[in-house]
C-alpha cells in the first residue's frame, strides 16, 4: 500500500514538467518535496503500530484490536498510540496535499500549481486521484488505529438478536470510520488557513520527524520490557 502510494510523486513531477509552465513545475517540485519529507514521519508512525502488533498483516492487526480493557475501553491502538495517531493524521494531510498544506496549488503564488495547464478530463483525473488518496489514508487509519471493522458494544447487542446481521454489519462499521476521517479532512480544508511553505518544511523536519522517531523508540522499548 505504501509503496504504491509513493509512486504518486512521479506522476505529479512528470505532470508539472510536461506542462512546459514555470507555475506547474514549481507546484510539482513543491508537492514532491512535501510528500517525500512527510513520508518519513508517516512511515515511522505506522512502524510503531507494527512493532506493537508484531505483524505486518492488516487482518491480524485489526483482529488484535478486538475486546476491551477493564470491560469498557476498546482495545484500539489509538489509545496505546495517541501520539502516533496524531502524527499519522498530520502527515496524511501533507501527503494528500490538503489544506492547510495545499502548497502545490497555492493560488496566490502558483495559480493552480501542476493543475495549471490541465483541463477537462485530465484535470478531473488529478482531482479523482487526490480524493482516492484521501480515502486510502482514511482506510489505513481506520484499520491500524480505530479497530477496522470492529465496533464496540454494538455487535454484541446485535449478535443476541441475529448473528448473521452482526456479520453483515462489519463493513458498515468500517465505512463509517473511513467516512468520519474523510469528513475531518474536508472540515480542515474549509477551517484552517494555509501556512507558509518554510513553516511546513520546518515543522516536518524539526518537529514531526523527531516526535515520530521518539514515539517508535518508546514503543519498541515498552514492547521489549513488557513482553
Protein backbone atom coordinates (compact mmCIF):
# COMPACT_ATOMS: atom_id res chain seq x y z
CA UNK A 1 0.00 0.00 0.00
CA UNK A 2 2.71 2.47 0.99
CA UNK A 3 4.95 1.60 -1.95
CA UNK A 4 2.12 2.19 -4.42
CA UNK A 5 1.12 5.43 -2.68
CA UNK A 6 4.71 6.68 -3.02
CA UNK A 7 4.53 6.34 -6.81
CA UNK A 8 2.21 9.36 -6.95
CA UNK A 9 5.29 11.59 -6.58
CA UNK A 10 6.48 10.55 -10.05
CA UNK A 11 3.12 11.32 -11.63
CA UNK A 12 2.96 14.79 -10.09
CA UNK A 13 6.53 15.70 -11.08
CA UNK A 14 6.02 14.47 -14.65
CA UNK A 15 2.70 16.34 -14.87
CA UNK A 16 4.37 19.59 -13.83
CA UNK A 17 7.43 19.15 -16.04
CA UNK A 18 5.48 18.16 -19.16
CA UNK A 19 3.20 21.22 -18.90
CA UNK A 20 6.07 23.49 -20.02
CA UNK A 21 4.98 26.10 -17.45
CA UNK A 22 7.00 27.54 -14.60
CA UNK A 23 3.96 27.57 -12.32
CA UNK A 24 3.26 23.90 -12.98
CA UNK A 25 6.90 22.92 -12.49
CA UNK A 26 7.25 24.84 -9.22
CA UNK A 27 3.99 23.35 -7.96
CA UNK A 28 5.15 19.83 -8.84
CA UNK A 29 8.53 20.32 -7.14
CA UNK A 30 6.82 21.69 -4.05
CA UNK A 31 4.49 18.71 -3.96
CA UNK A 32 7.35 16.22 -4.38
CA UNK A 33 9.48 17.74 -1.62
CA UNK A 34 6.46 17.98 0.69
CA UNK A 35 5.38 14.38 0.13
CA UNK A 36 8.90 12.96 0.48
CA UNK A 37 9.51 14.95 3.68
CA UNK A 38 6.31 13.84 5.39
CA UNK A 39 6.54 10.23 4.21
CA UNK A 40 9.26 9.71 6.82
CA UNK A 41 7.01 10.71 9.72
CA UNK A 42 4.12 8.90 8.04
CA UNK A 43 6.05 5.65 7.87
CA UNK A 44 7.51 5.89 11.39
CA UNK A 45 4.07 6.42 12.92
CA UNK A 46 2.88 3.23 11.21
CA UNK A 47 6.06 1.37 12.19
CA UNK A 48 5.18 1.96 15.85
CA UNK A 49 1.83 0.21 15.32
CA UNK A 50 3.54 -2.68 13.52
CA UNK A 51 6.02 -3.07 16.40
CA UNK A 52 3.13 -3.02 18.87
CA UNK A 53 1.15 -5.61 16.90
CA UNK A 54 4.11 -7.78 15.92
CA UNK A 55 2.64 -8.35 12.46
CA UNK A 56 2.52 -6.74 9.03
CA UNK A 57 -0.87 -8.24 8.21
CA UNK A 58 -3.71 -5.72 8.29
CA UNK A 59 -6.15 -8.50 9.15
CA UNK A 60 -4.12 -9.63 12.15
CA UNK A 61 -3.63 -6.04 13.33
CA UNK A 62 -7.39 -5.42 13.19
CA UNK A 63 -8.14 -8.69 14.99
CA UNK A 64 -5.72 -7.73 17.78
CA UNK A 65 -7.87 -4.66 18.46
CA UNK A 66 -10.89 -6.76 19.44
CA UNK A 67 -12.06 -6.92 23.05
CA UNK A 68 -11.94 -4.41 25.89
CA UNK A 69 -9.73 -3.14 28.68
CA UNK A 70 -11.46 -3.05 32.06
CA UNK A 71 -14.62 -4.24 30.34
CA UNK A 72 -15.49 -0.97 28.59
CA UNK A 73 -12.44 0.57 26.82
CA UNK A 74 -11.95 -0.81 23.27
CA UNK A 75 -8.50 -2.25 22.59
CA UNK A 76 -7.97 0.12 19.69
CA UNK A 77 -4.38 1.14 19.06
CA UNK A 78 -5.37 4.81 19.09
CA UNK A 79 -5.47 4.52 22.91
CA UNK A 80 -1.99 2.95 23.00
CA UNK A 81 -0.59 5.21 20.27
CA UNK A 82 -2.28 8.63 20.65
CA UNK A 83 0.87 10.46 19.55
CA UNK A 84 1.34 8.10 16.60
CA UNK A 85 -2.26 8.67 15.54
CA UNK A 86 -1.87 12.47 15.65
CA UNK A 87 1.39 12.25 13.67
CA UNK A 88 -0.26 9.97 11.11
CA UNK A 89 -3.21 12.33 10.65
CA UNK A 90 -0.99 15.40 10.21
CA UNK A 91 1.34 13.57 7.81
CA UNK A 92 -1.70 12.26 5.94
CA UNK A 93 -2.88 15.82 5.30
CA UNK A 94 0.54 16.72 3.89
CA UNK A 95 0.70 13.50 1.84
CA UNK A 96 -2.65 14.24 0.18
CA UNK A 97 -1.80 17.94 -0.39
CA UNK A 98 -4.88 19.09 1.51
CA UNK A 99 -5.32 22.40 3.33
CA UNK A 100 -3.61 23.77 5.34
CA UNK A 101 -0.77 22.02 3.48
CA UNK A 102 -2.02 22.56 -0.09
CA UNK A 103 1.10 24.45 -1.22
CA UNK A 104 1.41 22.79 -4.66
CA UNK A 105 -1.72 24.70 -5.76
CA UNK A 106 -1.33 27.95 -3.79
CA UNK A 107 -3.46 30.33 -5.88
CA UNK A 108 -1.65 33.49 -4.72
CA UNK A 109 1.74 32.17 -5.84
CA UNK A 110 1.36 29.38 -8.40
CA UNK A 111 -2.11 29.90 -9.94
CA UNK A 112 -3.21 26.24 -9.66
CA UNK A 113 0.19 24.54 -9.35
CA UNK A 114 0.71 21.47 -11.50
CA UNK A 115 -3.00 21.67 -12.49
CA UNK A 116 -2.48 25.00 -14.29
CA UNK A 117 -2.18 23.70 -17.86
CA UNK A 118 -4.73 20.88 -17.49
CA UNK A 119 -8.45 20.99 -18.16
CA UNK A 120 -11.39 18.73 -18.88
CA UNK A 121 -10.83 15.03 -18.18
CA UNK A 122 -7.11 15.43 -17.38
CA UNK A 123 -7.94 17.91 -14.63
CA UNK A 124 -10.71 15.65 -13.35
CA UNK A 125 -8.35 12.66 -13.16
CA UNK A 126 -5.92 14.60 -10.95
CA UNK A 127 -8.70 15.50 -8.54
CA UNK A 128 -10.06 11.97 -8.62
CA UNK A 129 -6.62 10.62 -7.71
CA UNK A 130 -6.36 13.14 -4.88
CA UNK A 131 -9.64 12.05 -3.33
CA UNK A 132 -8.79 8.36 -3.81
CA UNK A 133 -5.59 9.08 -1.88
CA UNK A 134 -7.65 10.63 0.94
CA UNK A 135 -9.87 7.54 1.13
CA UNK A 136 -6.78 5.28 1.19
CA UNK A 137 -5.20 7.27 4.03
CA UNK A 138 -8.51 7.15 5.93
CA UNK A 139 -8.89 3.39 5.37
CA UNK A 140 -5.37 2.68 6.67
CA UNK A 141 -6.00 4.90 9.72
CA UNK A 142 -9.28 3.10 10.43
CA UNK A 143 -7.58 -0.30 10.15
CA UNK A 144 -4.45 0.41 12.18
CA UNK A 145 -5.73 2.79 14.84
CA UNK A 146 -9.54 2.57 15.07
CA UNK A 147 -10.15 -1.17 15.10
CA UNK A 148 -11.03 -1.63 11.42
CA UNK A 149 -14.38 -3.37 11.06
CA UNK A 150 -14.79 -3.81 14.84
CA UNK A 151 -17.29 -1.59 16.68
CA UNK A 152 -17.51 -1.69 20.50
CA UNK A 153 -20.67 -2.86 22.27
CA UNK A 154 -22.99 -2.74 19.24
CA UNK A 155 -22.01 -6.12 17.65
CA UNK A 156 -22.66 -7.96 20.92
CA UNK A 157 -26.13 -6.47 21.16
CA UNK A 158 -26.90 -7.23 17.50
CA UNK A 159 -25.48 -10.78 17.80
CA UNK A 160 -28.00 -11.59 20.51
CA UNK A 161 -30.74 -10.77 18.05
CA UNK A 162 -29.15 -12.15 14.86
CA UNK A 163 -25.54 -13.42 14.45
CA UNK A 164 -25.86 -13.12 10.66
CA UNK A 165 -26.80 -9.43 10.94
CA UNK A 166 -23.78 -8.79 13.18
CA UNK A 167 -21.51 -10.26 10.49
CA UNK A 168 -23.14 -8.28 7.70
CA UNK A 169 -22.73 -5.01 9.61
CA UNK A 170 -18.91 -5.27 9.86
CA UNK A 171 -18.28 -3.45 6.55
CA UNK A 172 -20.73 -0.77 7.66
CA UNK A 173 -18.67 -0.01 10.78
CA UNK A 174 -15.51 0.20 8.67
CA UNK A 175 -17.11 2.57 6.14
CA UNK A 176 -18.44 4.76 8.96
CA UNK A 177 -14.91 5.17 10.34
CA UNK A 178 -13.46 5.90 6.89
CA UNK A 179 -16.22 8.43 6.21
CA UNK A 180 -15.61 10.16 9.55
CA UNK A 181 -11.90 10.59 8.80
CA UNK A 182 -12.64 11.88 5.27
CA UNK A 183 -15.14 14.34 6.78
CA UNK A 184 -12.43 15.50 9.20
CA UNK A 185 -10.02 16.17 6.31
CA UNK A 186 -12.65 18.12 4.36
CA UNK A 187 -13.59 20.03 7.51
CA UNK A 188 -9.93 21.02 7.99
CA UNK A 189 -9.78 22.29 4.39
CA UNK A 190 -12.55 24.82 5.00
CA UNK A 191 -11.47 25.76 8.54
CA UNK A 192 -7.70 26.26 8.67
CA UNK A 193 -5.71 28.87 6.71
CA UNK A 194 -2.73 27.92 4.56
CA UNK A 195 0.64 28.10 6.29
CA UNK A 196 3.89 29.36 4.77
CA UNK A 197 5.98 26.83 2.89
CA UNK A 198 9.01 27.30 5.14
CA UNK A 199 6.79 26.69 8.19
CA UNK A 200 5.60 23.43 6.63
CA UNK A 201 9.10 22.10 5.99
CA UNK A 202 10.43 23.28 9.36
CA UNK A 203 7.54 21.60 11.16
CA UNK A 204 8.02 18.38 9.20
CA UNK A 205 11.77 18.02 9.73
CA UNK A 206 12.30 19.65 13.15
CA UNK A 207 9.10 18.73 15.00
CA UNK A 208 7.16 15.88 13.41
CA UNK A 209 10.11 13.66 12.42
CA UNK A 210 11.83 13.73 15.86
CA UNK A 211 8.48 13.10 17.57
CA UNK A 212 7.72 10.12 15.32
CA UNK A 213 11.21 8.67 15.87
CA UNK A 214 10.87 9.14 19.64
CA UNK A 215 7.43 7.52 19.58
CA UNK A 216 8.85 4.50 17.74
CA UNK A 217 11.76 4.13 20.17
CA UNK A 218 9.50 4.38 23.23
CA UNK A 219 7.07 1.85 21.72
CA UNK A 220 9.88 -0.60 20.92
CA UNK A 221 11.33 -0.22 24.43
CA UNK A 222 7.90 -0.78 26.00
CA UNK A 223 7.28 -3.89 23.89
CA UNK A 224 10.68 -5.35 24.82
CA UNK A 225 10.27 -4.52 28.52
CA UNK A 226 6.71 -5.76 28.96
CA UNK A 227 6.92 -8.72 26.56
